[in-house]
Amino acid sequence: MRTTIDIDDDLMRILKEQALEEGTSLTDTINTCLQRQLKQGKEKPFVQAVYPMGLYPAQSLVKALDLAAELETEYAVHKMEIGK
């Protein structure tokens, strides 16, 4: 299928360079890049890493910044105690 799209100048330069390196046409390079990206999106959904903050069930999340500051202070004191 033939279509017209606007491609950023920097991106077009990169695509042309890649086509030259691979010895393929610009059309084939663009199609390959699009296929790879679309397949990647289907195979591997983004999953956000989650880490515990050390909160106790009774603590409110409203106080999260206060807790973070307290933990940071404790860590700084610990580093000073061990001489780092």
Protein backbone atom coordinates (compact mmCIF):
# COMPACT_ATOMS: atom_id res chain seq x y z
CA MET A 1 0.00 0.00 0.00
CA ARG A 2 1.26 3.43 -0.84
CA THR A 3 0.73 6.29 1.59
CA THR A 4 2.21 9.66 2.45
CA ILE A 5 3.51 10.45 5.94
CA ASP A 6 5.65 13.17 7.49
CA ILE A 7 8.86 11.86 9.08
CA ASP A 8 11.12 13.98 11.23
CA ASP A 9 14.35 14.98 9.42
CA ASP A 10 16.61 13.43 12.07
CA LEU A 11 14.66 10.17 11.98
CA MET A 12 14.77 10.08 8.17
CA ARG A 13 18.55 10.53 8.26
CA ILE A 14 18.87 7.60 10.67
CA LEU A 15 16.60 5.44 8.51
CA LYS A 16 18.58 6.23 5.36
CA GLU A 17 21.87 5.44 7.12
CA GLN A 18 20.46 2.14 8.37
CA ALA A 19 19.21 1.25 4.88
CA LEU A 20 22.68 1.91 3.46
CA GLU A 21 24.39 -0.15 6.16
CA GLU A 22 22.02 -3.08 5.64
CA GLY A 23 22.01 -2.77 1.84
CA THR A 24 18.22 -2.55 1.70
CA SER A 25 15.78 -0.03 0.34
CA LEU A 26 14.41 2.76 2.50
CA THR A 27 10.93 1.22 2.16
CA ASP A 28 12.14 -2.17 3.40
CA THR A 29 14.00 -0.57 6.30
CA ILE A 30 10.94 1.42 7.40
CA ASN A 31 8.68 -1.64 7.09
CA THR A 32 11.11 -3.76 9.11
CA CYS A 33 11.36 -1.14 11.86
CA LEU A 34 7.58 -0.78 12.05
CA GLN A 35 7.01 -4.55 12.12
CA ARG A 36 9.64 -5.04 14.82
CA GLN A 37 8.15 -2.30 16.99
CA LEU A 38 4.58 -3.51 16.56
CA LYS A 39 5.52 -7.12 17.35
CA GLN A 40 7.51 -6.03 20.39
CA GLY A 41 4.50 -4.13 21.72
CA LYS A 42 2.29 -7.22 21.42
CA GLU A 43 4.75 -9.70 22.88
CA LYS A 44 5.98 -7.78 25.87
CA PRO A 45 3.62 -5.43 27.71
CA PHE A 46 5.22 -2.80 29.91
CA VAL A 47 5.25 -3.75 33.58
CA GLN A 48 6.13 -1.14 36.17
CA ALA A 49 8.51 -2.38 38.84
CA VAL A 50 7.08 -1.95 42.33
CA TYR A 51 9.17 -1.76 45.49
CA PRO A 52 7.98 -1.79 49.09
CA MET A 53 8.46 1.46 50.97
CA GLY A 54 8.66 -0.17 54.37
CA LEU A 55 5.29 1.15 55.47
CA TYR A 56 3.40 -0.44 58.30
CA PRO A 57 -0.30 -1.12 57.69
CA ALA A 58 -1.26 1.55 60.22
CA GLN A 59 0.73 4.26 58.42
CA SER A 60 -0.95 6.61 55.99
CA LEU A 61 0.42 7.14 52.49
CA VAL A 62 -0.06 10.87 53.05
CA LYS A 63 3.00 10.70 55.27
CA ALA A 64 5.14 8.96 52.62
CA LEU A 65 7.39 11.97 52.05
CA ASP A 66 7.96 12.37 55.77
CA LEU A 67 8.85 8.69 56.01
CA ALA A 68 11.22 8.97 53.02
CA ALA A 69 12.99 11.93 54.65
CA GLU A 70 13.27 10.04 57.93
CA LEU A 71 14.73 6.98 56.19
CA GLU A 72 17.17 9.15 54.27
CA THR A 73 18.32 10.79 57.50
CA GLU A 74 18.78 7.39 59.16
CA TYR A 75 20.82 6.21 56.17
CA ALA A 76 23.02 9.32 56.26
CA VAL A 77 23.65 8.84 59.98
CA HIS A 78 24.48 5.18 59.38
CA LYS A 79 27.00 6.11 56.67
CA MET A 80 28.62 8.62 58.99
CA GLU A 81 28.85 6.03 61.76
CA ILE A 82 30.65 3.52 59.55
CA GLY A 83 32.97 6.22 58.23
CA LYS A 84 31.96 6.57 54.60
